[in-house]
Each structure stands twice: as C-alpha cells, then as structure tokens.
Amino acid sequence: MSPPKETVLFEAISTPPQSFTVRGFRILAGLLILAAAIPAGIFFALGAWPVLPFIGLEVGAALAALLWHARASRRISEMVLLTDAGLSIRHVNHRGHVVRSVLDAYWAKVEWDEAAPRGGRLWIKSRGRTLEIGRHLSAPEKAELAEALRDALARARRPDFDNPQLRETERLTRSTPP
C-alpha cells in the first residue's frame, strides 16, 4: 500500500532575473574588447607596448567575472510549498547547496516590512522560527507573494469538507421548481 499523496495547496518558485543571454554576452564582450583596443592602440603607437598584456588581462578578468556571476545566479532558486502536511521552503544558493526548512503551516504567519532596504523584507514566522524568503524579488513581487501566501495559509487553516449527502440535498433543492 502506497502512502497517501500530499495535496499541494500553494507553490511558488522564484529565481533572480536572468536577462543576460549568450548573444548579449557576445555583444558586451565585443564592445569591451573594442573599448580596450583604443587605449591599447594609443599605448602601442607611443611605444609603451609592455602595457598591452595588462590591458588584455583586465578585459579577460572582467569577462570572467561576468561569466561567473551569470553562472552563479542561474543556480539560485527558492521554492515555497504549502501542502496539507506543512509548509516547506527550499533555498538553493549560488554554490548549489540546498537548505530545506519545514514549518507548521497552522502556526505560520507572513510578515512583510516594506520600509526595509532592497525592496523590503519578507518573513515567515512559525513557533519561534523566522525565515526570510524572496530575497532577490522586487518590492511589488514580494507584496504579491506575501498576499498569495497569506491567502493560501488562511485556506489551509479553514478546510472545506466535502459531504456527498449535502451535495445531493443541494442538487435536489436546485432542481425543484419554486
């Protein structure tokens, strides 16, 4: 006999914005190389050719830093999952390490401090534990997530029971003409 499957009541997956495409990186690399070629040509014309390798290293370091940042930000994600068993938060950092926290959904409370820096701070508090979620979201996205999660938690605390006898009675009262 298999265990009963958990019903998903709410799920939110958030990732940092990924506007940097491969084509965009190639364009930026070309512009950076072109911008570095101008002073390199001037230094070469003045006879200061020993400076050229340092300009090349500087361009290479800038491009490597951009690639590292793009790769690291692709790994970051956060999933907030509300099931009938509880509230689970799964956070993956830029190194790929996973931190999973499980909270009691009945006692969970969503708080949003919009006056905090970087678009405010969004917390989930439950039985003495406090977790910050949505660190990389903008202020409107945090407000939307807070409202949706509050609504989902309220629905989870107030379950609607399905009684077939009540459905039958309701169907009969609707079909009977006045």
N, C-alpha and C. Protein backbone atom coordinates (compact mmCIF):
# COMPACT_ATOMS: atom_id res chain seq x y z
N MET A 1 0.84 -1.18 0.00
CA MET A 1 0.00 0.00 0.00
C MET A 1 0.89 1.24 0.00
N SER A 2 0.64 2.15 -0.91
CA SER A 2 1.45 3.35 -1.01
C SER A 2 0.92 4.42 -0.08
N PRO A 3 1.82 5.30 0.40
CA PRO A 3 1.38 6.37 1.30
C PRO A 3 0.50 7.35 0.55
N PRO A 4 -0.42 8.01 1.25
CA PRO A 4 -1.29 8.97 0.57
C PRO A 4 -0.48 10.14 0.02
N LYS A 5 -0.85 10.57 -1.16
CA LYS A 5 -0.14 11.67 -1.81
C LYS A 5 -0.57 12.99 -1.18
N GLU A 6 0.41 13.87 -0.91
CA GLU A 6 0.12 15.17 -0.33
C GLU A 6 -0.52 16.08 -1.36
N THR A 7 -1.52 16.81 -0.94
CA THR A 7 -2.18 17.76 -1.81
C THR A 7 -1.43 19.09 -1.76
N VAL A 8 -1.05 19.59 -2.92
CA VAL A 8 -0.35 20.88 -2.99
C VAL A 8 -1.38 21.99 -2.95
N LEU A 9 -1.29 22.83 -1.93
CA LEU A 9 -2.22 23.93 -1.77
C LEU A 9 -1.66 25.25 -2.32
N PHE A 10 -0.34 25.37 -2.33
CA PHE A 10 0.31 26.58 -2.84
C PHE A 10 1.75 26.23 -3.20
N GLU A 11 2.21 26.77 -4.32
CA GLU A 11 3.60 26.57 -4.73
C GLU A 11 4.09 27.83 -5.41
N ALA A 12 5.23 28.32 -4.97
CA ALA A 12 5.84 29.50 -5.58
C ALA A 12 7.33 29.22 -5.75
N ILE A 13 7.80 29.35 -6.98
CA ILE A 13 9.22 29.17 -7.28
C ILE A 13 9.74 30.51 -7.77
N SER A 14 10.79 31.00 -7.12
CA SER A 14 11.34 32.29 -7.52
C SER A 14 12.83 32.15 -7.81
N THR A 15 13.25 32.86 -8.82
CA THR A 15 14.66 32.89 -9.24
C THR A 15 15.04 34.34 -9.52
N PRO A 16 16.33 34.67 -9.45
CA PRO A 16 16.73 36.03 -9.80
C PRO A 16 16.48 36.30 -11.29
N PRO A 17 16.32 37.54 -11.67
CA PRO A 17 16.11 37.86 -13.08
C PRO A 17 17.30 37.41 -13.93
N GLN A 18 17.01 36.81 -15.07
CA GLN A 18 18.05 36.30 -15.96
C GLN A 18 17.96 36.99 -17.32
N SER A 19 18.33 38.24 -17.40
CA SER A 19 18.22 38.99 -18.65
C SER A 19 19.49 38.90 -19.50
N PHE A 20 20.53 38.28 -18.99
CA PHE A 20 21.81 38.21 -19.69
C PHE A 20 21.85 36.95 -20.54
N THR A 21 21.71 37.10 -21.87
CA THR A 21 21.72 35.96 -22.78
C THR A 21 23.12 35.77 -23.35
N VAL A 22 23.31 34.67 -24.07
CA VAL A 22 24.60 34.40 -24.72
C VAL A 22 24.88 35.47 -25.77
N ARG A 23 23.86 35.85 -26.52
CA ARG A 23 24.03 36.90 -27.53
C ARG A 23 24.42 38.22 -26.86
N GLY A 24 23.78 38.55 -25.76
CA GLY A 24 24.11 39.77 -25.02
C GLY A 24 25.53 39.75 -24.50
N PHE A 25 25.98 38.57 -24.03
CA PHE A 25 27.36 38.46 -23.56
C PHE A 25 28.34 38.68 -24.70
N ARG A 26 28.05 38.13 -25.86
CA ARG A 26 28.94 38.32 -27.01
C ARG A 26 29.01 39.79 -27.42
N ILE A 27 27.89 40.45 -27.41
CA ILE A 27 27.87 41.88 -27.75
C ILE A 27 28.68 42.68 -26.73
N LEU A 28 28.46 42.39 -25.45
CA LEU A 28 29.19 43.09 -24.40
C LEU A 28 30.69 42.81 -24.49
N ALA A 29 31.06 41.55 -24.77
CA ALA A 29 32.48 41.21 -24.90
C ALA A 29 33.10 41.97 -26.08
N GLY A 30 32.38 42.05 -27.20
CA GLY A 30 32.88 42.78 -28.36
C GLY A 30 33.08 44.26 -28.06
N LEU A 31 32.09 44.86 -27.37
CA LEU A 31 32.21 46.27 -27.01
C LEU A 31 33.36 46.51 -26.02
N LEU A 32 33.54 45.59 -25.08
CA LEU A 32 34.62 45.72 -24.11
C LEU A 32 35.99 45.59 -24.79
N ILE A 33 36.10 44.65 -25.70
CA ILE A 33 37.37 44.48 -26.44
C ILE A 33 37.64 45.71 -27.31
N LEU A 34 36.59 46.23 -27.95
CA LEU A 34 36.75 47.42 -28.78
C LEU A 34 37.16 48.62 -27.93
N ALA A 35 36.53 48.76 -26.76
CA ALA A 35 36.87 49.87 -25.88
C ALA A 35 38.30 49.74 -25.35
N ALA A 36 38.77 48.51 -25.15
CA ALA A 36 40.14 48.32 -24.68
C ALA A 36 41.15 48.45 -25.82
N ALA A 37 40.72 48.23 -27.06
CA ALA A 37 41.64 48.31 -28.20
C ALA A 37 42.06 49.76 -28.48
N ILE A 38 41.21 50.69 -28.18
CA ILE A 38 41.53 52.11 -28.44
C ILE A 38 42.72 52.56 -27.59
N PRO A 39 42.68 52.41 -26.25
CA PRO A 39 43.87 52.80 -25.49
C PRO A 39 45.07 51.90 -25.78
N ALA A 40 44.80 50.63 -26.12
CA ALA A 40 45.92 49.74 -26.45
C ALA A 40 46.64 50.24 -27.70
N GLY A 41 45.88 50.70 -28.70
CA GLY A 41 46.49 51.25 -29.91
C GLY A 41 47.28 52.51 -29.62
N ILE A 42 46.76 53.34 -28.75
CA ILE A 42 47.46 54.58 -28.40
C ILE A 42 48.77 54.26 -27.68
N PHE A 43 48.71 53.33 -26.70
CA PHE A 43 49.93 52.95 -25.99
C PHE A 43 50.96 52.32 -26.94
N PHE A 44 50.46 51.51 -27.87
CA PHE A 44 51.39 50.87 -28.83
C PHE A 44 52.04 51.92 -29.72
N ALA A 45 51.26 52.93 -30.18
CA ALA A 45 51.79 53.98 -31.04
C ALA A 45 52.82 54.85 -30.30
N LEU A 46 52.63 54.99 -29.00
CA LEU A 46 53.57 55.78 -28.20
C LEU A 46 54.80 54.98 -27.79
N GLY A 47 54.81 53.70 -28.12
CA GLY A 47 55.95 52.86 -27.77
C GLY A 47 55.85 52.22 -26.40
N ALA A 48 54.70 52.29 -25.78
CA ALA A 48 54.52 51.68 -24.46
C ALA A 48 53.86 50.31 -24.62
N TRP A 49 54.44 49.48 -25.49
CA TRP A 49 53.86 48.17 -25.76
C TRP A 49 53.82 47.22 -24.56
N PRO A 50 54.69 47.39 -23.53
CA PRO A 50 54.57 46.47 -22.37
C PRO A 50 53.23 46.57 -21.62
N VAL A 51 52.46 47.63 -21.88
CA VAL A 51 51.17 47.79 -21.22
C VAL A 51 50.11 46.87 -21.83
N LEU A 52 50.30 46.43 -23.08
CA LEU A 52 49.28 45.66 -23.80
C LEU A 52 48.85 44.37 -23.09
N PRO A 53 49.77 43.56 -22.54
CA PRO A 53 49.29 42.35 -21.84
C PRO A 53 48.41 42.67 -20.63
N PHE A 54 48.68 43.77 -19.96
CA PHE A 54 47.87 44.13 -18.79
C PHE A 54 46.45 44.54 -19.20
N ILE A 55 46.35 45.21 -20.35
CA ILE A 55 45.02 45.56 -20.87
C ILE A 55 44.26 44.28 -21.22
N GLY A 56 44.94 43.34 -21.83
CA GLY A 56 44.31 42.05 -22.15
C GLY A 56 43.88 41.29 -20.91
N LEU A 57 44.72 41.31 -19.86
CA LEU A 57 44.36 40.65 -18.60
C LEU A 57 43.15 41.33 -17.96
N GLU A 58 43.10 42.65 -18.05
CA GLU A 58 41.98 43.38 -17.47
C GLU A 58 40.67 43.02 -18.17
N VAL A 59 40.68 42.96 -19.49
CA VAL A 59 39.49 42.59 -20.25
C VAL A 59 39.09 41.15 -19.92
N GLY A 60 40.08 40.25 -19.88
CA GLY A 60 39.80 38.84 -19.55
C GLY A 60 39.21 38.68 -18.15
N ALA A 61 39.73 39.43 -17.20
CA ALA A 61 39.21 39.35 -15.82
C ALA A 61 37.78 39.88 -15.74
N ALA A 62 37.49 40.95 -16.47
CA ALA A 62 36.12 41.50 -16.46
C ALA A 62 35.14 40.51 -17.08
N LEU A 63 35.53 39.88 -18.19
CA LEU A 63 34.65 38.90 -18.83
C LEU A 63 34.48 37.65 -17.96
N ALA A 64 35.55 37.22 -17.30
CA ALA A 64 35.46 36.06 -16.41
C ALA A 64 34.53 36.35 -15.23
N ALA A 65 34.60 37.56 -14.68
CA ALA A 65 33.72 37.93 -13.57
C ALA A 65 32.26 37.95 -14.01
N LEU A 66 31.99 38.44 -15.22
CA LEU A 66 30.62 38.44 -15.74
C LEU A 66 30.10 37.01 -15.93
N LEU A 67 30.93 36.14 -16.47
CA LEU A 67 30.53 34.74 -16.65
C LEU A 67 30.27 34.06 -15.32
N TRP A 68 31.14 34.29 -14.34
CA TRP A 68 30.96 33.69 -13.02
C TRP A 68 29.65 34.15 -12.39
N HIS A 69 29.37 35.45 -12.49
CA HIS A 69 28.14 35.99 -11.91
C HIS A 69 26.90 35.39 -12.59
N ALA A 70 26.92 35.31 -13.92
CA ALA A 70 25.78 34.75 -14.65
C ALA A 70 25.56 33.29 -14.28
N ARG A 71 26.63 32.51 -14.18
CA ARG A 71 26.51 31.10 -13.83
C ARG A 71 26.01 30.93 -12.40
N ALA A 72 26.54 31.72 -11.49
CA ALA A 72 26.12 31.61 -10.08
C ALA A 72 24.67 32.02 -9.90
N SER A 73 24.22 33.05 -10.60
CA SER A 73 22.83 33.50 -10.42
C SER A 73 21.84 32.52 -11.06
N ARG A 74 22.28 31.71 -12.02
CA ARG A 74 21.39 30.69 -12.60
C ARG A 74 21.08 29.58 -11.61
N ARG A 75 21.96 29.35 -10.65
CA ARG A 75 21.76 28.28 -9.68
C ARG A 75 20.79 28.67 -8.56
N ILE A 76 20.68 29.94 -8.29
CA ILE A 76 19.88 30.41 -7.16
C ILE A 76 18.39 30.19 -7.44
N SER A 77 17.72 29.57 -6.48
CA SER A 77 16.27 29.43 -6.58
C SER A 77 15.69 29.24 -5.19
N GLU A 78 14.40 29.49 -5.10
CA GLU A 78 13.71 29.33 -3.84
C GLU A 78 12.31 28.81 -4.14
N MET A 79 11.91 27.78 -3.40
CA MET A 79 10.59 27.21 -3.59
C MET A 79 9.85 27.20 -2.26
N VAL A 80 8.67 27.78 -2.27
CA VAL A 80 7.79 27.77 -1.10
C VAL A 80 6.64 26.84 -1.47
N LEU A 81 6.47 25.78 -0.69
CA LEU A 81 5.48 24.75 -0.99
C LEU A 81 4.59 24.53 0.23
N LEU A 82 3.31 24.73 0.06
CA LEU A 82 2.33 24.51 1.12
C LEU A 82 1.51 23.29 0.74
N THR A 83 1.60 22.25 1.56
CA THR A 83 0.79 21.05 1.37
C THR A 83 -0.06 20.84 2.61
N ASP A 84 -0.89 19.82 2.56
CA ASP A 84 -1.69 19.54 3.76
C ASP A 84 -0.82 19.00 4.89
N ALA A 85 0.43 18.64 4.60
CA ALA A 85 1.35 18.15 5.64
C ALA A 85 2.13 19.28 6.30
N GLY A 86 2.29 20.42 5.63
CA GLY A 86 3.04 21.52 6.22
C GLY A 86 3.55 22.50 5.18
N LEU A 87 4.35 23.43 5.64
CA LEU A 87 4.94 24.47 4.79
C LEU A 87 6.42 24.19 4.65
N SER A 88 6.87 24.06 3.42
CA SER A 88 8.27 23.71 3.15
C SER A 88 8.91 24.82 2.32
N ILE A 89 10.10 25.24 2.74
CA ILE A 89 10.86 26.25 2.00
C ILE A 89 12.18 25.61 1.60
N ARG A 90 12.47 25.61 0.29
CA ARG A 90 13.71 25.03 -0.24
C ARG A 90 14.48 26.14 -0.93
N HIS A 91 15.67 26.43 -0.40
CA HIS A 91 16.51 27.50 -0.94
C HIS A 91 17.81 26.90 -1.47
N VAL A 92 18.14 27.21 -2.73
CA VAL A 92 19.39 26.77 -3.34
C VAL A 92 20.25 28.01 -3.54
N ASN A 93 21.46 28.01 -2.94
CA ASN A 93 22.32 29.19 -3.06
C ASN A 93 23.16 29.13 -4.33
N HIS A 94 24.04 30.11 -4.52
CA HIS A 94 24.82 30.22 -5.76
C HIS A 94 25.82 29.08 -5.93
N ARG A 95 26.14 28.37 -4.87
CA ARG A 95 27.06 27.22 -4.98
C ARG A 95 26.32 25.91 -5.22
N GLY A 96 25.00 25.94 -5.19
CA GLY A 96 24.21 24.74 -5.40
C GLY A 96 23.84 24.03 -4.10
N HIS A 97 24.19 24.60 -2.95
CA HIS A 97 23.83 23.99 -1.67
C HIS A 97 22.34 24.20 -1.39
N VAL A 98 21.69 23.13 -0.96
CA VAL A 98 20.26 23.18 -0.71
C VAL A 98 20.00 23.26 0.79
N VAL A 99 19.18 24.22 1.18
CA VAL A 99 18.75 24.35 2.58
C VAL A 99 17.23 24.20 2.56
N ARG A 100 16.74 23.19 3.27
CA ARG A 100 15.31 22.92 3.31
C ARG A 100 14.80 23.11 4.73
N SER A 101 13.74 23.87 4.86
CA SER A 101 13.13 24.12 6.16
C SER A 101 11.66 23.75 6.08
N VAL A 102 11.17 23.10 7.12
CA VAL A 102 9.77 22.72 7.19
C VAL A 102 9.15 23.39 8.41
N LEU A 103 8.03 24.08 8.19
CA LEU A 103 7.34 24.78 9.26
C LEU A 103 5.92 24.24 9.38
N ASP A 104 5.35 24.43 10.55
CA ASP A 104 3.97 24.06 10.78
C ASP A 104 3.09 25.12 10.13
N ALA A 105 2.30 24.72 9.14
CA ALA A 105 1.50 25.68 8.37
C ALA A 105 0.41 26.33 9.22
N TYR A 106 -0.09 25.63 10.21
CA TYR A 106 -1.16 26.18 11.02
C TYR A 106 -0.70 27.40 11.80
N TRP A 107 0.55 27.39 12.26
CA TRP A 107 1.07 28.48 13.06
C TRP A 107 1.85 29.50 12.24
N ALA A 108 2.00 29.28 10.96
CA ALA A 108 2.81 30.17 10.12
C ALA A 108 2.13 31.53 9.94
N LYS A 109 2.96 32.55 9.97
CA LYS A 109 2.49 33.93 9.80
C LYS A 109 3.43 34.62 8.83
N VAL A 110 2.87 35.32 7.85
CA VAL A 110 3.66 36.02 6.84
C VAL A 110 3.75 37.49 7.24
N GLU A 111 4.97 38.02 7.30
CA GLU A 111 5.18 39.42 7.62
C GLU A 111 6.03 40.06 6.53
N TRP A 112 5.65 41.27 6.13
CA TRP A 112 6.40 42.00 5.12
C TRP A 112 6.69 43.39 5.64
N ASP A 113 7.98 43.73 5.72
CA ASP A 113 8.41 45.05 6.15
C ASP A 113 8.86 45.81 4.91
N GLU A 114 7.98 46.64 4.37
CA GLU A 114 8.31 47.33 3.13
C GLU A 114 9.27 48.50 3.34
N ALA A 115 9.49 48.91 4.59
CA ALA A 115 10.41 50.02 4.86
C ALA A 115 11.87 49.57 4.88
N ALA A 116 12.11 48.27 4.93
CA ALA A 116 13.49 47.77 4.95
C ALA A 116 14.15 48.04 3.59
N PRO A 117 15.49 48.08 3.57
CA PRO A 117 16.19 48.34 2.29
C PRO A 117 16.01 47.19 1.30
N ARG A 118 16.35 47.44 0.05
CA ARG A 118 16.30 46.49 -1.06
C ARG A 118 14.89 45.96 -1.31
N GLY A 119 13.91 46.82 -1.29
CA GLY A 119 12.55 46.42 -1.62
C GLY A 119 11.80 45.77 -0.48
N GLY A 120 12.27 45.91 0.73
CA GLY A 120 11.59 45.34 1.88
C GLY A 120 12.08 43.93 2.20
N ARG A 121 11.57 43.40 3.31
CA ARG A 121 11.93 42.05 3.73
C ARG A 121 10.65 41.26 3.98
N LEU A 122 10.65 40.02 3.55
CA LEU A 122 9.50 39.14 3.67
C LEU A 122 9.89 37.97 4.54
N TRP A 123 9.14 37.76 5.64
CA TRP A 123 9.45 36.69 6.58
C TRP A 123 8.26 35.75 6.72
N ILE A 124 8.59 34.51 7.07
CA ILE A 124 7.59 33.55 7.53
C ILE A 124 8.00 33.19 8.94
N LYS A 125 7.07 33.36 9.88
CA LYS A 125 7.34 33.05 11.28
C LYS A 125 6.41 31.93 11.71
N SER A 126 6.97 30.96 12.43
CA SER A 126 6.16 29.85 12.92
C SER A 126 6.83 29.26 14.15
N ARG A 127 6.13 29.31 15.27
CA ARG A 127 6.58 28.70 16.52
C ARG A 127 8.02 29.07 16.89
N GLY A 128 8.34 30.33 16.85
CA GLY A 128 9.65 30.79 17.27
C GLY A 128 10.71 30.76 16.18
N ARG A 129 10.42 30.21 15.03
CA ARG A 129 11.37 30.20 13.91
C ARG A 129 11.00 31.29 12.93
N THR A 130 12.01 31.96 12.39
CA THR A 130 11.80 33.02 11.41
C THR A 130 12.68 32.75 10.20
N LEU A 131 12.05 32.73 9.02
CA LEU A 131 12.78 32.52 7.77
C LEU A 131 12.49 33.67 6.82
N GLU A 132 13.54 34.21 6.22
CA GLU A 132 13.35 35.25 5.20
C GLU A 132 13.21 34.57 3.85
N ILE A 133 12.22 34.98 3.09
CA ILE A 133 12.03 34.44 1.75
C ILE A 133 11.99 35.58 0.74
N GLY A 134 12.21 35.24 -0.52
CA GLY A 134 12.13 36.21 -1.60
C GLY A 134 13.18 37.29 -1.56
N ARG A 135 14.40 36.94 -1.17
CA ARG A 135 15.46 37.97 -1.04
C ARG A 135 15.77 38.66 -2.36
N HIS A 136 15.65 37.95 -3.46
CA HIS A 136 16.03 38.52 -4.76
C HIS A 136 14.82 39.08 -5.53
N LEU A 137 13.66 39.14 -4.91
CA LEU A 137 12.48 39.68 -5.56
C LEU A 137 12.38 41.19 -5.36
N SER A 138 11.69 41.85 -6.28
CA SER A 138 11.46 43.29 -6.15
C SER A 138 10.32 43.51 -5.15
N ALA A 139 10.11 44.76 -4.76
CA ALA A 139 9.08 45.09 -3.77
C ALA A 139 7.68 44.68 -4.23
N PRO A 140 7.27 44.97 -5.48
CA PRO A 140 5.93 44.53 -5.91
C PRO A 140 5.80 43.00 -5.93
N GLU A 141 6.87 42.30 -6.31
CA GLU A 141 6.82 40.84 -6.33
C GLU A 141 6.72 40.28 -4.91
N LYS A 142 7.43 40.91 -3.96
CA LYS A 142 7.33 40.47 -2.56
C LYS A 142 5.93 40.71 -2.02
N ALA A 143 5.33 41.84 -2.35
CA ALA A 143 3.97 42.13 -1.89
C ALA A 143 2.98 41.11 -2.46
N GLU A 144 3.15 40.78 -3.72
CA GLU A 144 2.26 39.79 -4.36
C GLU A 144 2.44 38.41 -3.73
N LEU A 145 3.69 38.02 -3.48
CA LEU A 145 3.96 36.73 -2.85
C LEU A 145 3.39 36.69 -1.43
N ALA A 146 3.55 37.78 -0.68
CA ALA A 146 3.03 37.84 0.69
C ALA A 146 1.52 37.69 0.70
N GLU A 147 0.84 38.38 -0.19
CA GLU A 147 -0.62 38.31 -0.23
C GLU A 147 -1.08 36.91 -0.65
N ALA A 148 -0.46 36.34 -1.66
CA ALA A 148 -0.86 35.00 -2.12
C ALA A 148 -0.60 33.95 -1.04
N LEU A 149 0.53 34.05 -0.35
CA LEU A 149 0.85 33.08 0.70
C LEU A 149 -0.08 33.24 1.90
N ARG A 150 -0.42 34.47 2.25
CA ARG A 150 -1.38 34.69 3.35
C ARG A 150 -2.73 34.05 3.01
N ASP A 151 -3.18 34.25 1.78
CA ASP A 151 -4.46 33.66 1.36
C ASP A 151 -4.41 32.14 1.39
N ALA A 152 -3.30 31.57 0.92
CA ALA A 152 -3.16 30.11 0.90
C ALA A 152 -3.12 29.55 2.32
N LEU A 153 -2.41 30.23 3.22
CA LEU A 153 -2.35 29.76 4.61
C LEU A 153 -3.73 29.86 5.27
N ALA A 154 -4.47 30.91 4.96
CA ALA A 154 -5.83 31.06 5.52
C ALA A 154 -6.73 29.93 5.02
N ARG A 155 -6.63 29.59 3.72
CA ARG A 155 -7.44 28.48 3.19
C ARG A 155 -7.03 27.15 3.82
N ALA A 156 -5.73 26.97 4.09
CA ALA A 156 -5.25 25.72 4.68
C ALA A 156 -5.74 25.58 6.12
N ARG A 157 -5.90 26.68 6.83
CA ARG A 157 -6.37 26.63 8.22
C ARG A 157 -7.87 26.39 8.30
N ARG A 158 -8.59 26.67 7.22
CA ARG A 158 -10.04 26.54 7.22
C ARG A 158 -10.44 25.58 6.10
N PRO A 159 -10.26 24.29 6.33
CA PRO A 159 -10.57 23.33 5.26
C PRO A 159 -12.06 23.24 4.98
N ASP A 160 -12.38 23.01 3.73
CA ASP A 160 -13.77 22.79 3.34
C ASP A 160 -13.97 21.29 3.21
N PHE A 161 -14.91 20.77 3.95
CA PHE A 161 -15.16 19.34 3.92
C PHE A 161 -16.20 19.01 2.87
N ASP A 162 -15.98 17.95 2.16
CA ASP A 162 -16.89 17.53 1.11
C ASP A 162 -17.80 16.44 1.66
N ASN A 163 -19.08 16.73 1.78
CA ASN A 163 -20.05 15.77 2.28
C ASN A 163 -20.98 15.41 1.13
N PRO A 164 -20.92 14.17 0.62
CA PRO A 164 -21.77 13.79 -0.52
C PRO A 164 -23.26 13.95 -0.23
N GLN A 165 -23.68 13.77 1.01
CA GLN A 165 -25.10 13.91 1.34
C GLN A 165 -25.55 15.36 1.16
N LEU A 166 -24.69 16.29 1.53
CA LEU A 166 -25.04 17.69 1.34
C LEU A 166 -25.10 18.06 -0.13
N ARG A 167 -24.23 17.49 -0.92
CA ARG A 167 -24.26 17.75 -2.36
C ARG A 167 -25.57 17.25 -2.97
N GLU A 168 -26.02 16.08 -2.55
CA GLU A 168 -27.26 15.51 -3.07
C GLU A 168 -28.45 16.38 -2.68
N THR A 169 -28.47 16.84 -1.45
CA THR A 169 -29.56 17.70 -0.98
C THR A 169 -29.56 19.02 -1.73
N GLU A 170 -28.38 19.58 -1.95
CA GLU A 170 -28.26 20.85 -2.68
C GLU A 170 -28.73 20.68 -4.13
N ARG A 171 -28.41 19.56 -4.75
CA ARG A 171 -28.81 19.30 -6.13
C ARG A 171 -30.33 19.19 -6.23
N LEU A 172 -30.91 18.53 -5.26
CA LEU A 172 -32.37 18.38 -5.28
C LEU A 172 -33.09 19.71 -5.06
N THR A 173 -32.57 20.55 -4.19
CA THR A 173 -33.23 21.84 -3.96
C THR A 173 -33.11 22.76 -5.15
N ARG A 174 -32.03 22.65 -5.90
CA ARG A 174 -31.86 23.48 -7.11
C ARG A 174 -32.77 23.01 -8.24
N SER A 175 -32.99 21.70 -8.36
CA SER A 175 -33.78 21.17 -9.48
C SER A 175 -35.27 21.27 -9.24
N THR A 176 -35.71 21.45 -7.99
CA THR A 176 -37.12 21.57 -7.68
C THR A 176 -37.58 22.98 -8.00
N PRO A 177 -38.64 23.09 -8.87
CA PRO A 177 -39.13 24.44 -9.20
C PRO A 177 -39.85 25.07 -8.01
N PRO A 178 -39.81 26.39 -7.90
CA PRO A 178 -40.46 27.06 -6.77
C PRO A 178 -41.96 27.06 -6.83
